[in-house]
């Protein structure tokens, strides 16, 4: 599928091995990963960040307004 997906599959396989027989520990590791990714997305999609990016893009105003919305 791609490099990012492949890396994620390898990480999950490593964790499956590392936490073999300890599903609760593996579940916590997965939950912490999800929280970390959610924090990244929250920062990346802040309105001020999006508006700054939009201002730099060569887009018609109507497209810019649509993306902002």
PDB file of N, CA and C in Angstrom:
ATOM      1  N   UNK A   1       0.827  -1.199   0.000  1.00  0.00           N
ATOM      2  CA  UNK A   1       0.000   0.000   0.000  1.00  0.00           C
ATOM      3  C   UNK A   1       0.862   1.250   0.000  1.00  0.00           C
ATOM      4  N   UNK A   2       1.868   1.281   0.822  1.00  0.00           N
ATOM      5  CA  UNK A   2       2.725   2.446   0.884  1.00  0.00           C
ATOM      6  C   UNK A   2       3.679   2.334   2.058  1.00  0.00           C
ATOM      7  N   UNK A   3       4.616   3.263   2.092  1.00  0.00           N
ATOM      8  CA  UNK A   3       5.638   3.234   3.139  1.00  0.00           C
ATOM      9  C   UNK A   3       5.055   3.425   4.531  1.00  0.00           C
ATOM     10  N   UNK A   4       4.129   4.357   4.667  1.00  0.00           N
ATOM     11  CA  UNK A   4       3.549   4.636   5.992  1.00  0.00           C
ATOM     12  C   UNK A   4       2.772   3.418   6.489  1.00  0.00           C
ATOM     13  N   UNK A   5       1.969   2.850   5.598  1.00  0.00           N
ATOM     14  CA  UNK A   5       1.179   1.676   5.981  1.00  0.00           C
ATOM     15  C   UNK A   5       2.084   0.500   6.332  1.00  0.00           C
ATOM     16  N   UNK A   6       3.117   0.286   5.529  1.00  0.00           N
ATOM     17  CA  UNK A   6       4.055  -0.799   5.791  1.00  0.00           C
ATOM     18  C   UNK A   6       4.764  -0.634   7.121  1.00  0.00           C
ATOM     19  N   UNK A   7       5.169   0.591   7.419  1.00  0.00           N
ATOM     20  CA  UNK A   7       5.824   0.863   8.704  1.00  0.00           C
ATOM     21  C   UNK A   7       4.883   0.567   9.861  1.00  0.00           C
ATOM     22  N   UNK A   8       3.621   0.951   9.710  1.00  0.00           N
ATOM     23  CA  UNK A   8       2.640   0.702  10.766  1.00  0.00           C
ATOM     24  C   UNK A   8       2.427  -0.798  10.963  1.00  0.00           C
ATOM     25  N   UNK A   9       2.352  -1.552   9.865  1.00  0.00           N
ATOM     26  CA  UNK A   9       2.209  -3.007   9.974  1.00  0.00           C
ATOM     27  C   UNK A   9       3.402  -3.628  10.703  1.00  0.00           C
ATOM     28  N   UNK A  10       4.601  -3.152  10.398  1.00  0.00           N
ATOM     29  CA  UNK A  10       5.797  -3.672  11.075  1.00  0.00           C
ATOM     30  C   UNK A  10       5.770  -3.336  12.571  1.00  0.00           C
ATOM     31  N   UNK A  11       5.334  -2.132  12.897  1.00  0.00           N
ATOM     32  CA  UNK A  11       5.237  -1.731  14.302  1.00  0.00           C
ATOM     33  C   UNK A  11       4.249  -2.631  15.042  1.00  0.00           C
ATOM     34  N   UNK A  12       3.093  -2.862  14.432  1.00  0.00           N
ATOM     35  CA  UNK A  12       2.095  -3.726  15.073  1.00  0.00           C
ATOM     36  C   UNK A  12       2.628  -5.140  15.260  1.00  0.00           C
ATOM     37  N   UNK A  13       3.360  -5.649  14.293  1.00  0.00           N
ATOM     38  CA  UNK A  13       3.940  -6.989  14.408  1.00  0.00           C
ATOM     39  C   UNK A  13       4.963  -7.038  15.538  1.00  0.00           C
ATOM     40  N   UNK A  14       5.772  -5.998  15.662  1.00  0.00           N
ATOM     41  CA  UNK A  14       6.754  -5.946  16.759  1.00  0.00           C
ATOM     42  C   UNK A  14       6.047  -5.935  18.111  1.00  0.00           C
ATOM     43  N   UNK A  15       5.000  -5.143  18.213  1.00  0.00           N
ATOM     44  CA  UNK A  15       4.270  -5.071  19.474  1.00  0.00           C
ATOM     45  C   UNK A  15       3.592  -6.398  19.789  1.00  0.00           C
ATOM     46  N   UNK A  16       3.037  -7.056  18.754  1.00  0.00           N
ATOM     47  CA  UNK A  16       2.380  -8.342  18.951  1.00  0.00           C
ATOM     48  C   UNK A  16       3.380  -9.340  19.557  1.00  0.00           C
ATOM     49  N   UNK A  17       4.611  -9.283  19.058  1.00  0.00           N
ATOM     50  CA  UNK A  17       5.663 -10.158  19.580  1.00  0.00           C
ATOM     51  C   UNK A  17       6.079  -9.731  20.989  1.00  0.00           C
ATOM     52  N   UNK A  18       6.334  -8.444  21.172  1.00  0.00           N
ATOM     53  CA  UNK A  18       6.796  -7.926  22.463  1.00  0.00           C
ATOM     54  C   UNK A  18       5.779  -8.167  23.572  1.00  0.00           C
ATOM     55  N   UNK A  19       4.503  -8.007  23.246  1.00  0.00           N
ATOM     56  CA  UNK A  19       3.452  -8.122  24.257  1.00  0.00           C
ATOM     57  C   UNK A  19       2.717  -9.460  24.194  1.00  0.00           C
ATOM     58  N   UNK A  20       3.339 -10.459  23.592  1.00  0.00           N
ATOM     59  CA  UNK A  20       2.714 -11.787  23.499  1.00  0.00           C
ATOM     60  C   UNK A  20       2.332 -12.267  24.894  1.00  0.00           C
ATOM     61  N   UNK A  21       1.091 -12.684  25.013  1.00  0.00           N
ATOM     62  CA  UNK A  21       0.613 -13.164  26.311  1.00  0.00           C
ATOM     63  C   UNK A  21       0.212 -12.064  27.270  1.00  0.00           C
ATOM     64  N   UNK A  22       0.373 -10.808  26.847  1.00  0.00           N
ATOM     65  CA  UNK A  22      -0.004  -9.664  27.689  1.00  0.00           C
ATOM     66  C   UNK A  22      -0.895  -8.708  26.881  1.00  0.00           C
ATOM     67  N   UNK A  23      -2.093  -9.165  26.527  1.00  0.00           N
ATOM     68  CA  UNK A  23      -2.952  -8.341  25.672  1.00  0.00           C
ATOM     69  C   UNK A  23      -3.309  -6.986  26.279  1.00  0.00           C
ATOM     70  N   UNK A  24      -3.393  -6.927  27.607  1.00  0.00           N
ATOM     71  CA  UNK A  24      -3.720  -5.646  28.248  1.00  0.00           C
ATOM     72  C   UNK A  24      -2.600  -4.626  28.014  1.00  0.00           C
ATOM     73  N   UNK A  25      -1.351  -5.061  28.090  1.00  0.00           N
ATOM     74  CA  UNK A  25      -0.214  -4.161  27.848  1.00  0.00           C
ATOM     75  C   UNK A  25      -0.199  -3.701  26.386  1.00  0.00           C
ATOM     76  N   UNK A  26      -0.504  -4.614  25.474  1.00  0.00           N
ATOM     77  CA  UNK A  26      -0.550  -4.237  24.055  1.00  0.00           C
ATOM     78  C   UNK A  26      -1.686  -3.249  23.798  1.00  0.00           C
ATOM     79  N   UNK A  27      -2.810  -3.489  24.433  1.00  0.00           N
ATOM     80  CA  UNK A  27      -3.962  -2.586  24.263  1.00  0.00           C
ATOM     81  C   UNK A  27      -3.607  -1.177  24.757  1.00  0.00           C
ATOM     82  N   UNK A  28      -2.922  -1.081  25.915  1.00  0.00           N
ATOM     83  CA  UNK A  28      -2.526   0.234  26.431  1.00  0.00           C
ATOM     84  C   UNK A  28      -1.568   0.924  25.457  1.00  0.00           C
ATOM     85  N   UNK A  29      -0.634   0.164  24.890  1.00  0.00           N
ATOM     86  CA  UNK A  29       0.315   0.748  23.930  1.00  0.00           C
ATOM     87  C   UNK A  29      -0.428   1.298  22.717  1.00  0.00           C
ATOM     88  N   UNK A  30      -1.414   0.548  22.243  1.00  0.00           N
ATOM     89  CA  UNK A  30      -2.213   1.009  21.107  1.00  0.00           C
ATOM     90  C   UNK A  30      -3.021   2.259  21.462  1.00  0.00           C
ATOM     91  N   UNK A  31      -3.572   2.291  22.655  1.00  0.00           N
ATOM     92  CA  UNK A  31      -4.338   3.466  23.082  1.00  0.00           C
ATOM     93  C   UNK A  31      -3.456   4.703  23.185  1.00  0.00           C
ATOM     94  N   UNK A  32      -2.234   4.529  23.699  1.00  0.00           N
ATOM     95  CA  UNK A  32      -1.314   5.671  23.780  1.00  0.00           C
ATOM     96  C   UNK A  32      -0.909   6.153  22.386  1.00  0.00           C
ATOM     97  N   UNK A  33      -0.737   5.218  21.464  1.00  0.00           N
ATOM     98  CA  UNK A  33      -0.432   5.601  20.083  1.00  0.00           C
ATOM     99  C   UNK A  33      -1.592   6.398  19.487  1.00  0.00           C
ATOM    100  N   UNK A  34      -2.814   5.936  19.722  1.00  0.00           N
ATOM    101  CA  UNK A  34      -3.993   6.643  19.210  1.00  0.00           C
ATOM    102  C   UNK A  34      -4.070   8.054  19.784  1.00  0.00           C
ATOM    103  N   UNK A  35      -3.796   8.189  21.081  1.00  0.00           N
ATOM    104  CA  UNK A  35      -3.816   9.506  21.712  1.00  0.00           C
ATOM    105  C   UNK A  35      -2.750  10.414  21.110  1.00  0.00           C
ATOM    106  N   UNK A  36      -1.564   9.876  20.894  1.00  0.00           N
ATOM    107  CA  UNK A  36      -0.481  10.658  20.295  1.00  0.00           C
ATOM    108  C   UNK A  36      -0.863  11.140  18.892  1.00  0.00           C
ATOM    109  N   UNK A  37      -1.445  10.259  18.102  1.00  0.00           N
ATOM    110  CA  UNK A  37      -1.848  10.632  16.736  1.00  0.00           C
ATOM    111  C   UNK A  37      -2.970  11.667  16.755  1.00  0.00           C
ATOM    112  N   UNK A  38      -3.888  11.528  17.700  1.00  0.00           N
ATOM    113  CA  UNK A  38      -4.979  12.494  17.822  1.00  0.00           C
ATOM    114  C   UNK A  38      -4.434  13.877  18.176  1.00  0.00           C
ATOM    115  N   UNK A  39      -3.437  13.932  19.025  1.00  0.00           N
ATOM    116  CA  UNK A  39      -2.827  15.219  19.385  1.00  0.00           C
ATOM    117  C   UNK A  39      -2.167  15.853  18.161  1.00  0.00           C
ATOM    118  N   UNK A  40      -1.503  15.051  17.347  1.00  0.00           N
ATOM    119  CA  UNK A  40      -0.880  15.574  16.130  1.00  0.00           C
ATOM    120  C   UNK A  40      -1.921  16.164  15.193  1.00  0.00           C
ATOM    121  N   UNK A  41      -3.019  15.455  15.027  1.00  0.00           N
ATOM    122  CA  UNK A  41      -4.082  15.926  14.141  1.00  0.00           C
ATOM    123  C   UNK A  41      -4.716  17.193  14.697  1.00  0.00           C
ATOM    124  N   UNK A  42      -4.917  17.248  16.004  1.00  0.00           N
ATOM    125  CA  UNK A  42      -5.518  18.437  16.615  1.00  0.00           C
ATOM    126  C   UNK A  42      -4.686  19.679  16.342  1.00  0.00           C
ATOM    127  N   UNK A  43      -3.380  19.550  16.411  1.00  0.00           N
ATOM    128  CA  UNK A  43      -2.498  20.686  16.147  1.00  0.00           C
ATOM    129  C   UNK A  43      -2.488  21.015  14.658  1.00  0.00           C
ATOM    130  N   UNK A  44      -2.403  19.993  13.830  1.00  0.00           N
ATOM    131  CA  UNK A  44      -2.301  20.202  12.383  1.00  0.00           C
ATOM    132  C   UNK A  44      -3.557  20.844  11.798  1.00  0.00           C
ATOM    133  N   UNK A  45      -4.715  20.613  12.417  1.00  0.00           N
ATOM    134  CA  UNK A  45      -5.957  21.142  11.871  1.00  0.00           C
ATOM    135  C   UNK A  45      -6.514  22.330  12.640  1.00  0.00           C
ATOM    136  N   UNK A  46      -5.692  22.975  13.453  1.00  0.00           N
ATOM    137  CA  UNK A  46      -6.147  24.200  14.118  1.00  0.00           C
ATOM    138  C   UNK A  46      -6.493  25.232  13.053  1.00  0.00           C
ATOM    139  N   UNK A  47      -7.504  26.023  13.338  1.00  0.00           N
ATOM    140  CA  UNK A  47      -7.983  26.979  12.344  1.00  0.00           C
ATOM    141  C   UNK A  47      -6.891  27.956  11.915  1.00  0.00           C
ATOM    142  N   UNK A  48      -6.098  28.463  12.845  1.00  0.00           N
ATOM    143  CA  UNK A  48      -5.072  29.427  12.465  1.00  0.00           C
ATOM    144  C   UNK A  48      -4.013  28.789  11.562  1.00  0.00           C
ATOM    145  N   UNK A  49      -3.724  27.524  11.785  1.00  0.00           N
ATOM    146  CA  UNK A  49      -2.754  26.824  10.929  1.00  0.00           C
ATOM    147  C   UNK A  49      -3.333  26.637   9.526  1.00  0.00           C
ATOM    148  N   UNK A  50      -4.584  26.226   9.466  1.00  0.00           N
ATOM    149  CA  UNK A  50      -5.234  26.022   8.168  1.00  0.00           C
ATOM    150  C   UNK A  50      -5.317  27.344   7.401  1.00  0.00           C
ATOM    151  N   UNK A  51      -5.712  28.414   8.086  1.00  0.00           N
ATOM    152  CA  UNK A  51      -5.834  29.704   7.407  1.00  0.00           C
ATOM    153  C   UNK A  51      -4.483  30.189   6.873  1.00  0.00           C
ATOM    154  N   UNK A  52      -3.425  29.962   7.628  1.00  0.00           N
ATOM    155  CA  UNK A  52      -2.092  30.355   7.160  1.00  0.00           C
ATOM    156  C   UNK A  52      -1.704  29.567   5.915  1.00  0.00           C
ATOM    157  N   UNK A  53      -2.016  28.288   5.921  1.00  0.00           N
ATOM    158  CA  UNK A  53      -1.722  27.465   4.745  1.00  0.00           C
ATOM    159  C   UNK A  53      -2.558  27.897   3.547  1.00  0.00           C
ATOM    160  N   UNK A  54      -3.825  28.152   3.797  1.00  0.00           N
ATOM    161  CA  UNK A  54      -4.708  28.583   2.706  1.00  0.00           C
ATOM    162  C   UNK A  54      -4.241  29.899   2.093  1.00  0.00           C
ATOM    163  N   UNK A  55      -3.767  30.792   2.916  1.00  0.00           N
ATOM    164  CA  UNK A  55      -3.317  32.099   2.428  1.00  0.00           C
ATOM    165  C   UNK A  55      -2.147  31.957   1.466  1.00  0.00           C
ATOM    166  N   UNK A  56      -1.363  30.903   1.613  1.00  0.00           N
ATOM    167  CA  UNK A  56      -0.194  30.704   0.759  1.00  0.00           C
ATOM    168  C   UNK A  56      -0.508  29.922  -0.520  1.00  0.00           C
ATOM    169  N   UNK A  57      -1.702  29.356  -0.582  1.00  0.00           N
ATOM    170  CA  UNK A  57      -2.038  28.513  -1.733  1.00  0.00           C
ATOM    171  C   UNK A  57      -2.656  29.354  -2.853  1.00  0.00           C
ATOM    172  N   UNK A  58      -2.276  29.059  -4.089  1.00  0.00           N
ATOM    173  CA  UNK A  58      -2.850  29.786  -5.221  1.00  0.00           C
ATOM    174  C   UNK A  58      -4.237  29.229  -5.580  1.00  0.00           C
ATOM    175  N   UNK A  59      -5.235  29.666  -4.812  1.00  0.00           N
ATOM    176  CA  UNK A  59      -6.599  29.169  -5.001  1.00  0.00           C
ATOM    177  C   UNK A  59      -7.548  30.322  -5.262  1.00  0.00           C
ATOM    178  N   UNK A  60      -8.598  30.051  -6.013  1.00  0.00           N
ATOM    179  CA  UNK A  60      -9.650  31.070  -6.137  1.00  0.00           C
ATOM    180  C   UNK A  60     -10.306  31.292  -4.772  1.00  0.00           C
ATOM    181  N   UNK A  61     -10.795  32.492  -4.554  1.00  0.00           N
ATOM    182  CA  UNK A  61     -11.399  32.822  -3.262  1.00  0.00           C
ATOM    183  C   UNK A  61     -12.529  31.877  -2.885  1.00  0.00           C
ATOM    184  N   UNK A  62     -13.350  31.474  -3.849  1.00  0.00           N
ATOM    185  CA  UNK A  62     -14.479  30.587  -3.531  1.00  0.00           C
ATOM    186  C   UNK A  62     -13.986  29.224  -3.025  1.00  0.00           C
ATOM    187  N   UNK A  63     -12.887  28.733  -3.567  1.00  0.00           N
ATOM    188  CA  UNK A  63     -12.303  27.462  -3.109  1.00  0.00           C
ATOM    189  C   UNK A  63     -11.713  27.644  -1.711  1.00  0.00           C
ATOM    190  N   UNK A  64     -11.047  28.741  -1.510  1.00  0.00           N
ATOM    191  CA  UNK A  64     -10.461  29.034  -0.200  1.00  0.00           C
ATOM    192  C   UNK A  64     -11.554  29.097   0.868  1.00  0.00           C
ATOM    193  N   UNK A  65     -12.677  29.762   0.557  1.00  0.00           N
ATOM    194  CA  UNK A  65     -13.795  29.852   1.513  1.00  0.00           C
ATOM    195  C   UNK A  65     -14.387  28.475   1.793  1.00  0.00           C
ATOM    196  N   UNK A  66     -14.498  27.660   0.758  1.00  0.00           N
ATOM    197  CA  UNK A  66     -15.051  26.310   0.917  1.00  0.00           C
ATOM    198  C   UNK A  66     -14.163  25.465   1.839  1.00  0.00           C
ATOM    199  N   UNK A  67     -12.865  25.509   1.630  1.00  0.00           N
ATOM    200  CA  UNK A  67     -11.942  24.744   2.480  1.00  0.00           C
ATOM    201  C   UNK A  67     -11.983  25.273   3.902  1.00  0.00           C
ATOM    202  N   UNK A  68     -12.028  26.584   4.065  1.00  0.00           N
ATOM    203  CA  UNK A  68     -12.097  27.174   5.397  1.00  0.00           C
ATOM    204  C   UNK A  68     -13.353  26.723   6.127  1.00  0.00           C
ATOM    205  N   UNK A  69     -14.449  26.674   5.404  1.00  0.00           N
ATOM    206  CA  UNK A  69     -15.720  26.263   5.996  1.00  0.00           C
ATOM    207  C   UNK A  69     -15.633  24.819   6.485  1.00  0.00           C
TER     208      UNK A  69
END
